[in-house]
C-alpha cells in the first residue's frame, strides 16, 4: 500500500466515510474525490477546484467549509455549474454512476473533506505542506 493510499484511508476515517445505500453502493467516495484532487485530474487539483468554486459564486459556502463554524450546504447542481460538467462526468465514470449521483455525492463529501483539511480555519499553504498528500498527512496526526 502506497503513501497516498494510507493518506486516503486516513481521510476516509476522519470523515467517517461509509458506503452509501442505493445507487453507487460500495463506492468509496472520499477516496475517489480526494484521488481526483490529488492526481490533478481536476484542473489545478485542490487549489484549482477551490478557485473554480470561488469564481463560480460559491465563495460563501467555501469559506464556511474552511472556517471553524458549520458547513453551508451546496447542491450537485451548484457544483456542476461552478466546476463544469466535465468534473462530474469524470467522477461519475470512475464510480460507475450517473453525473447526477456523482454531483449529489460530491456535494455531500467535498465540504467534509475541505473541512477536515482546514482544522484551524485555514488551508495549509500547498507549497509548505507538500501538496494534497501533505495536507492529508495532517489527518494522521489527529
N, C-alpha and C. Protein backbone atom coordinates (compact mmCIF):
# COMPACT_ATOMS: atom_id res chain seq x y z
N UNK A 1 0.86 -1.18 0.00
CA UNK A 1 0.00 0.00 0.00
C UNK A 1 0.90 1.23 0.00
N UNK A 2 0.66 2.14 -0.90
CA UNK A 2 1.47 3.33 -1.01
C UNK A 2 1.07 4.41 -0.02
N UNK A 3 1.90 5.46 0.03
CA UNK A 3 1.65 6.57 0.93
C UNK A 3 0.31 7.23 0.65
N UNK A 4 -0.02 7.46 -0.63
CA UNK A 4 -1.28 8.10 -0.96
C UNK A 4 -2.46 7.24 -0.51
N UNK A 5 -2.34 5.91 -0.66
CA UNK A 5 -3.41 5.02 -0.19
C UNK A 5 -3.60 5.17 1.31
N UNK A 6 -2.51 5.25 2.06
CA UNK A 6 -2.59 5.43 3.51
C UNK A 6 -3.25 6.75 3.86
N UNK A 7 -2.87 7.79 3.13
CA UNK A 7 -3.44 9.11 3.40
C UNK A 7 -4.92 9.16 3.06
N UNK A 8 -5.30 8.52 1.96
CA UNK A 8 -6.71 8.47 1.60
C UNK A 8 -7.50 7.70 2.64
N UNK A 9 -6.91 6.65 3.17
CA UNK A 9 -7.56 5.90 4.24
C UNK A 9 -7.76 6.75 5.48
N UNK A 10 -6.78 7.58 5.78
CA UNK A 10 -6.92 8.48 6.93
C UNK A 10 -8.02 9.50 6.69
N UNK A 11 -8.11 10.00 5.47
CA UNK A 11 -9.18 10.95 5.14
C UNK A 11 -10.53 10.28 5.28
N UNK A 12 -10.63 9.05 4.82
CA UNK A 12 -11.89 8.32 4.92
C UNK A 12 -12.26 8.12 6.38
N UNK A 13 -11.31 7.73 7.19
CA UNK A 13 -11.58 7.50 8.60
C UNK A 13 -11.96 8.80 9.30
N UNK A 14 -11.28 9.88 8.99
CA UNK A 14 -11.54 11.17 9.63
C UNK A 14 -12.92 11.71 9.28
N UNK A 15 -13.38 11.45 8.08
CA UNK A 15 -14.70 11.95 7.69
C UNK A 15 -15.80 10.97 8.02
N UNK A 16 -15.45 9.81 8.56
CA UNK A 16 -16.47 8.82 8.89
C UNK A 16 -17.14 8.25 7.66
N UNK A 17 -16.40 8.17 6.56
CA UNK A 17 -16.99 7.72 5.29
C UNK A 17 -17.47 6.28 5.40
N UNK A 18 -18.66 6.07 4.87
CA UNK A 18 -19.23 4.73 4.80
C UNK A 18 -19.84 4.57 3.43
N UNK A 19 -19.97 3.34 2.99
CA UNK A 19 -20.60 3.09 1.69
C UNK A 19 -22.04 3.59 1.72
N UNK A 20 -22.45 4.20 0.63
CA UNK A 20 -23.80 4.74 0.53
C UNK A 20 -24.76 3.64 0.08
N UNK A 21 -25.99 3.73 0.53
CA UNK A 21 -27.02 2.79 0.11
C UNK A 21 -27.56 3.22 -1.25
N UNK A 22 -28.10 2.27 -1.99
CA UNK A 22 -28.72 2.60 -3.27
C UNK A 22 -27.68 2.68 -4.36
N UNK A 23 -27.92 3.58 -5.32
CA UNK A 23 -27.04 3.71 -6.48
C UNK A 23 -25.63 4.06 -6.03
N UNK A 24 -24.66 3.33 -6.52
CA UNK A 24 -23.27 3.60 -6.15
C UNK A 24 -22.87 2.97 -4.83
N UNK A 25 -23.68 2.05 -4.31
CA UNK A 25 -23.36 1.41 -3.04
C UNK A 25 -22.00 0.74 -3.15
N UNK A 26 -21.22 0.87 -2.12
CA UNK A 26 -19.89 0.28 -2.09
C UNK A 26 -18.81 1.16 -2.68
N UNK A 27 -19.18 2.31 -3.23
CA UNK A 27 -18.20 3.23 -3.80
C UNK A 27 -17.55 4.00 -2.66
N UNK A 28 -16.24 4.05 -2.64
CA UNK A 28 -15.51 4.82 -1.64
C UNK A 28 -15.39 6.25 -2.17
N UNK A 29 -16.40 7.04 -1.89
CA UNK A 29 -16.49 8.40 -2.44
C UNK A 29 -15.36 9.29 -1.97
N UNK A 30 -14.96 9.16 -0.71
CA UNK A 30 -13.87 10.01 -0.21
C UNK A 30 -12.59 9.72 -0.97
N UNK A 31 -12.30 8.45 -1.18
CA UNK A 31 -11.09 8.09 -1.93
C UNK A 31 -11.17 8.57 -3.38
N UNK A 32 -12.34 8.43 -3.99
CA UNK A 32 -12.49 8.89 -5.38
C UNK A 32 -12.29 10.40 -5.48
N UNK A 33 -12.93 11.14 -4.58
CA UNK A 33 -12.86 12.60 -4.65
C UNK A 33 -11.46 13.09 -4.32
N UNK A 34 -10.85 12.58 -3.26
CA UNK A 34 -9.50 13.03 -2.92
C UNK A 34 -8.50 12.57 -3.97
N UNK A 35 -8.72 11.39 -4.55
CA UNK A 35 -7.86 10.92 -5.64
C UNK A 35 -7.96 11.83 -6.85
N UNK A 36 -9.18 12.25 -7.15
CA UNK A 36 -9.41 13.17 -8.25
C UNK A 36 -8.66 14.48 -8.03
N UNK A 37 -8.67 14.94 -6.80
CA UNK A 37 -7.97 16.18 -6.46
C UNK A 37 -6.46 15.98 -6.41
N UNK A 38 -6.03 14.87 -5.83
CA UNK A 38 -4.60 14.65 -5.63
C UNK A 38 -3.84 14.43 -6.92
N UNK A 39 -4.47 13.74 -7.87
CA UNK A 39 -3.71 13.44 -9.09
C UNK A 39 -3.86 14.52 -10.15
N UNK A 40 -4.49 15.62 -9.78
CA UNK A 40 -4.57 16.75 -10.71
C UNK A 40 -5.58 16.56 -11.82
N UNK A 41 -6.47 15.55 -11.69
CA UNK A 41 -7.48 15.34 -12.72
C UNK A 41 -8.36 16.57 -12.87
N UNK A 42 -8.62 17.22 -11.76
CA UNK A 42 -9.33 18.49 -11.80
C UNK A 42 -8.27 19.55 -12.07
N UNK A 43 -8.56 20.44 -12.96
CA UNK A 43 -7.56 21.44 -13.34
C UNK A 43 -7.02 22.15 -12.11
N UNK A 44 -5.75 21.93 -11.83
CA UNK A 44 -5.11 22.58 -10.70
C UNK A 44 -5.28 21.85 -9.38
N UNK A 45 -5.84 20.64 -9.38
CA UNK A 45 -6.01 19.90 -8.14
C UNK A 45 -6.92 20.63 -7.16
N UNK A 46 -6.63 20.48 -5.88
CA UNK A 46 -7.47 21.08 -4.84
C UNK A 46 -7.52 22.60 -4.97
N UNK A 47 -6.38 23.24 -5.11
CA UNK A 47 -6.39 24.70 -5.18
C UNK A 47 -7.13 25.19 -6.42
N UNK A 48 -7.02 24.46 -7.53
CA UNK A 48 -7.75 24.81 -8.73
C UNK A 48 -9.26 24.67 -8.55
N UNK A 49 -9.66 23.59 -7.88
CA UNK A 49 -11.08 23.39 -7.63
C UNK A 49 -11.63 24.49 -6.72
N UNK A 50 -10.89 24.82 -5.68
CA UNK A 50 -11.35 25.86 -4.76
C UNK A 50 -11.46 27.21 -5.48
N UNK A 51 -10.53 27.49 -6.37
CA UNK A 51 -10.60 28.74 -7.15
C UNK A 51 -11.81 28.73 -8.07
N UNK A 52 -12.11 27.58 -8.68
CA UNK A 52 -13.28 27.47 -9.55
C UNK A 52 -14.57 27.66 -8.75
N UNK A 53 -14.63 27.10 -7.56
CA UNK A 53 -15.81 27.26 -6.72
C UNK A 53 -16.01 28.72 -6.35
N UNK A 54 -14.91 29.37 -5.98
CA UNK A 54 -14.96 30.80 -5.64
C UNK A 54 -15.46 31.61 -6.84
N UNK A 55 -14.87 31.39 -7.99
CA UNK A 55 -15.26 32.12 -9.21
C UNK A 55 -16.68 31.77 -9.65
N UNK A 56 -17.14 30.58 -9.30
CA UNK A 56 -18.47 30.13 -9.69
C UNK A 56 -19.58 30.58 -8.75
N UNK A 57 -19.24 31.47 -7.82
CA UNK A 57 -20.27 32.01 -6.93
C UNK A 57 -20.51 31.24 -5.65
N UNK A 58 -19.62 30.32 -5.33
CA UNK A 58 -19.78 29.52 -4.12
C UNK A 58 -18.80 29.91 -3.02
N UNK A 59 -18.35 31.17 -3.06
CA UNK A 59 -17.38 31.64 -2.08
C UNK A 59 -17.87 31.56 -0.65
N UNK A 60 -19.14 31.88 -0.42
CA UNK A 60 -19.69 31.84 0.94
C UNK A 60 -19.69 30.40 1.48
N UNK A 61 -20.12 29.46 0.65
CA UNK A 61 -20.11 28.06 1.06
C UNK A 61 -18.68 27.59 1.30
N UNK A 62 -17.80 27.92 0.38
CA UNK A 62 -16.40 27.51 0.50
C UNK A 62 -15.79 28.03 1.79
N UNK A 63 -16.03 29.30 2.09
CA UNK A 63 -15.47 29.87 3.32
C UNK A 63 -16.01 29.16 4.56
N UNK A 64 -17.28 28.76 4.52
CA UNK A 64 -17.84 28.05 5.67
C UNK A 64 -17.18 26.68 5.86
N UNK A 65 -16.77 26.04 4.76
CA UNK A 65 -16.10 24.74 4.87
C UNK A 65 -14.72 24.90 5.47
N UNK A 66 -14.06 25.99 5.14
CA UNK A 66 -12.70 26.24 5.63
C UNK A 66 -12.72 26.73 7.07
N UNK A 67 -13.70 27.55 7.41
CA UNK A 67 -13.76 28.13 8.76
C UNK A 67 -14.09 27.07 9.79
N UNK A 68 -14.05 27.47 11.05
CA UNK A 68 -14.31 26.52 12.13
C UNK A 68 -15.79 26.37 12.45
N UNK A 69 -16.66 27.13 11.79
CA UNK A 69 -18.09 27.04 12.03
C UNK A 69 -18.74 25.91 11.24
N UNK A 70 -20.07 25.96 11.20
CA UNK A 70 -20.85 24.95 10.48
C UNK A 70 -20.64 25.11 8.97
N UNK A 71 -20.70 23.99 8.27
CA UNK A 71 -20.56 23.98 6.81
C UNK A 71 -21.89 24.30 6.16
N UNK A 72 -21.89 25.29 5.27
CA UNK A 72 -23.09 25.58 4.49
C UNK A 72 -23.26 24.51 3.43
N UNK A 73 -24.49 24.11 3.16
CA UNK A 73 -24.71 23.08 2.14
C UNK A 73 -24.53 23.62 0.74
N UNK A 74 -24.30 22.70 -0.17
CA UNK A 74 -24.19 23.02 -1.59
C UNK A 74 -24.84 21.86 -2.34
N UNK A 75 -25.46 22.15 -3.45
CA UNK A 75 -26.11 21.09 -4.23
C UNK A 75 -25.20 20.60 -5.35
N UNK A 76 -25.52 19.44 -5.87
CA UNK A 76 -24.79 18.91 -7.01
C UNK A 76 -24.92 19.83 -8.21
N UNK A 77 -26.08 20.45 -8.37
CA UNK A 77 -26.30 21.37 -9.48
C UNK A 77 -25.40 22.60 -9.35
N UNK A 78 -25.27 23.12 -8.13
CA UNK A 78 -24.39 24.27 -7.90
C UNK A 78 -22.94 23.91 -8.22
N UNK A 79 -22.51 22.73 -7.80
CA UNK A 79 -21.14 22.29 -8.07
C UNK A 79 -20.93 22.11 -9.57
N UNK A 80 -21.90 21.53 -10.24
CA UNK A 80 -21.78 21.33 -11.68
C UNK A 80 -21.67 22.67 -12.40
N UNK A 81 -22.46 23.63 -11.97
CA UNK A 81 -22.43 24.96 -12.57
C UNK A 81 -21.08 25.64 -12.34
N UNK A 82 -20.55 25.53 -11.13
CA UNK A 82 -19.29 26.19 -10.79
C UNK A 82 -18.08 25.48 -11.40
N UNK A 83 -18.11 24.15 -11.42
CA UNK A 83 -16.95 23.37 -11.86
C UNK A 83 -17.02 22.96 -13.33
N UNK A 84 -18.21 22.94 -13.87
CA UNK A 84 -18.40 22.43 -15.22
C UNK A 84 -18.74 20.96 -15.17
N UNK A 85 -19.43 20.50 -16.16
CA UNK A 85 -19.88 19.11 -16.20
C UNK A 85 -18.78 18.09 -16.35
N UNK A 86 -17.60 18.50 -16.82
CA UNK A 86 -16.51 17.54 -17.03
C UNK A 86 -16.06 16.88 -15.73
N UNK A 87 -16.02 17.66 -14.65
CA UNK A 87 -15.58 17.12 -13.37
C UNK A 87 -16.55 16.04 -12.90
N UNK A 88 -17.85 16.36 -12.97
CA UNK A 88 -18.84 15.37 -12.54
C UNK A 88 -18.86 14.17 -13.47
N UNK A 89 -18.67 14.39 -14.76
CA UNK A 89 -18.63 13.27 -15.71
C UNK A 89 -17.44 12.36 -15.41
N UNK A 90 -16.31 12.95 -15.08
CA UNK A 90 -15.12 12.15 -14.75
C UNK A 90 -15.36 11.35 -13.47
N UNK A 91 -15.91 12.00 -12.46
CA UNK A 91 -16.19 11.33 -11.20
C UNK A 91 -17.23 10.23 -11.39
N UNK A 92 -18.27 10.53 -12.18
CA UNK A 92 -19.32 9.55 -12.45
C UNK A 92 -18.75 8.33 -13.18
N UNK A 93 -17.88 8.58 -14.14
CA UNK A 93 -17.26 7.48 -14.88
C UNK A 93 -16.43 6.57 -13.99
N UNK A 94 -15.70 7.17 -13.07
CA UNK A 94 -14.88 6.37 -12.16
C UNK A 94 -15.73 5.56 -11.19
N UNK A 95 -16.87 6.13 -10.78
CA UNK A 95 -17.73 5.45 -9.81
C UNK A 95 -18.76 4.53 -10.46
N UNK A 96 -18.97 4.70 -11.76
CA UNK A 96 -19.96 3.89 -12.44
C UNK A 96 -21.39 4.31 -12.12
N UNK A 97 -21.60 5.60 -11.92
CA UNK A 97 -22.92 6.14 -11.61
C UNK A 97 -23.23 7.29 -12.57
N UNK A 98 -24.43 7.84 -12.46
CA UNK A 98 -24.80 8.98 -13.29
C UNK A 98 -24.11 10.25 -12.79
N UNK A 99 -24.04 11.26 -13.66
CA UNK A 99 -23.46 12.55 -13.25
C UNK A 99 -24.29 13.18 -12.14
N UNK A 100 -25.59 12.95 -12.14
CA UNK A 100 -26.45 13.48 -11.08
C UNK A 100 -26.08 12.87 -9.74
N UNK A 101 -25.87 11.55 -9.71
CA UNK A 101 -25.47 10.87 -8.47
C UNK A 101 -24.08 11.33 -8.04
N UNK A 102 -23.18 11.49 -8.99
CA UNK A 102 -21.83 11.97 -8.66
C UNK A 102 -21.90 13.37 -8.06
N UNK A 103 -22.76 14.23 -8.60
CA UNK A 103 -22.93 15.58 -8.05
C UNK A 103 -23.49 15.54 -6.65
N UNK A 104 -24.44 14.66 -6.42
CA UNK A 104 -25.02 14.52 -5.08
C UNK A 104 -23.97 14.07 -4.07
N UNK A 105 -23.15 13.11 -4.48
CA UNK A 105 -22.10 12.61 -3.58
C UNK A 105 -21.02 13.67 -3.36
N UNK A 106 -20.63 14.36 -4.42
CA UNK A 106 -19.62 15.41 -4.29
C UNK A 106 -20.12 16.51 -3.36
N UNK A 107 -21.42 16.84 -3.45
CA UNK A 107 -21.97 17.88 -2.59
C UNK A 107 -21.99 17.44 -1.13
N UNK A 108 -22.04 16.16 -0.88
CA UNK A 108 -22.01 15.64 0.48
C UNK A 108 -20.59 15.58 1.03
N UNK A 109 -19.65 15.08 0.23
CA UNK A 109 -18.31 14.79 0.73
C UNK A 109 -17.32 15.94 0.61
N UNK A 110 -17.41 16.76 -0.44
CA UNK A 110 -16.44 17.83 -0.62
C UNK A 110 -16.40 18.79 0.57
N UNK A 111 -17.55 19.25 1.09
CA UNK A 111 -17.48 20.13 2.27
C UNK A 111 -16.77 19.47 3.45
N UNK A 112 -16.99 18.18 3.66
CA UNK A 112 -16.35 17.48 4.77
C UNK A 112 -14.85 17.34 4.55
N UNK A 113 -14.46 17.04 3.32
CA UNK A 113 -13.03 16.89 3.01
C UNK A 113 -12.31 18.22 3.22
N UNK A 114 -12.87 19.31 2.68
CA UNK A 114 -12.25 20.63 2.85
C UNK A 114 -12.23 21.01 4.33
N UNK A 115 -13.31 20.70 5.05
CA UNK A 115 -13.38 21.00 6.48
C UNK A 115 -12.26 20.28 7.24
N UNK A 116 -12.05 19.02 6.93
CA UNK A 116 -11.01 18.25 7.63
C UNK A 116 -9.59 18.67 7.22
N UNK A 117 -9.45 19.27 6.06
CA UNK A 117 -8.14 19.76 5.63
C UNK A 117 -7.83 21.15 6.19
N UNK A 118 -8.80 21.74 6.86
CA UNK A 118 -8.63 23.09 7.41
C UNK A 118 -9.09 23.14 8.87
N UNK A 119 -8.48 22.33 9.74
CA UNK A 119 -8.97 22.23 11.12
C UNK A 119 -8.85 23.52 11.92
N UNK A 120 -7.96 24.40 11.56
CA UNK A 120 -7.77 25.65 12.30
C UNK A 120 -8.39 26.83 11.57
N UNK A 121 -9.27 26.55 10.61
CA UNK A 121 -9.93 27.61 9.89
C UNK A 121 -9.14 28.15 8.72
N UNK A 122 -8.05 27.48 8.36
CA UNK A 122 -7.24 27.89 7.21
C UNK A 122 -6.67 26.65 6.55
N UNK A 123 -6.65 26.68 5.22
CA UNK A 123 -5.98 25.60 4.49
C UNK A 123 -4.48 25.82 4.58
N UNK A 124 -3.71 24.77 4.79
CA UNK A 124 -2.25 24.93 4.77
C UNK A 124 -1.79 25.40 3.40
N UNK A 125 -0.68 26.11 3.37
CA UNK A 125 -0.10 26.52 2.09
C UNK A 125 0.34 25.27 1.36
N UNK A 126 -0.10 25.13 0.10
CA UNK A 126 0.21 23.91 -0.65
C UNK A 126 1.71 23.68 -0.78
N UNK A 127 2.48 24.71 -1.02
CA UNK A 127 3.92 24.55 -1.16
C UNK A 127 4.57 24.09 0.12
N UNK A 128 4.09 24.62 1.25
CA UNK A 128 4.66 24.26 2.54
C UNK A 128 4.25 22.87 2.99
N UNK A 129 3.09 22.43 2.57
CA UNK A 129 2.58 21.14 3.04
C UNK A 129 2.88 20.01 2.08
N UNK A 130 3.54 20.29 0.98
CA UNK A 130 3.86 19.24 0.02
C UNK A 130 2.64 18.81 -0.78
N UNK A 131 1.77 19.74 -1.09
CA UNK A 131 0.58 19.43 -1.88
C UNK A 131 -0.48 18.73 -1.08
N UNK A 132 -1.42 18.13 -1.79
CA UNK A 132 -2.54 17.47 -1.13
C UNK A 132 -2.08 16.32 -0.25
N UNK A 133 -1.06 15.59 -0.66
CA UNK A 133 -0.58 14.48 0.16
C UNK A 133 -0.14 14.98 1.53
N UNK A 134 0.54 16.10 1.57
CA UNK A 134 0.94 16.68 2.85
C UNK A 134 -0.23 17.13 3.67
N UNK A 135 -1.23 17.71 3.00
CA UNK A 135 -2.43 18.15 3.71
C UNK A 135 -3.17 16.96 4.29
N UNK A 136 -3.30 15.89 3.51
CA UNK A 136 -3.97 14.70 4.02
C UNK A 136 -3.15 14.05 5.13
N UNK A 137 -1.85 14.16 5.05
CA UNK A 137 -0.98 13.62 6.09
C UNK A 137 -1.27 14.24 7.45
N UNK A 138 -1.72 15.47 7.46
CA UNK A 138 -2.07 16.12 8.73
C UNK A 138 -3.22 15.40 9.42
N UNK A 139 -4.08 14.74 8.65
CA UNK A 139 -5.17 13.98 9.24
C UNK A 139 -4.65 12.82 10.09
N UNK A 140 -3.48 12.30 9.74
CA UNK A 140 -2.91 11.19 10.51
C UNK A 140 -2.52 11.62 11.91
N UNK A 141 -2.31 12.92 12.10
CA UNK A 141 -1.90 13.43 13.40
C UNK A 141 -3.07 13.68 14.32
N UNK A 142 -4.30 13.54 13.83
CA UNK A 142 -5.49 13.80 14.65
C UNK A 142 -5.75 12.67 15.59
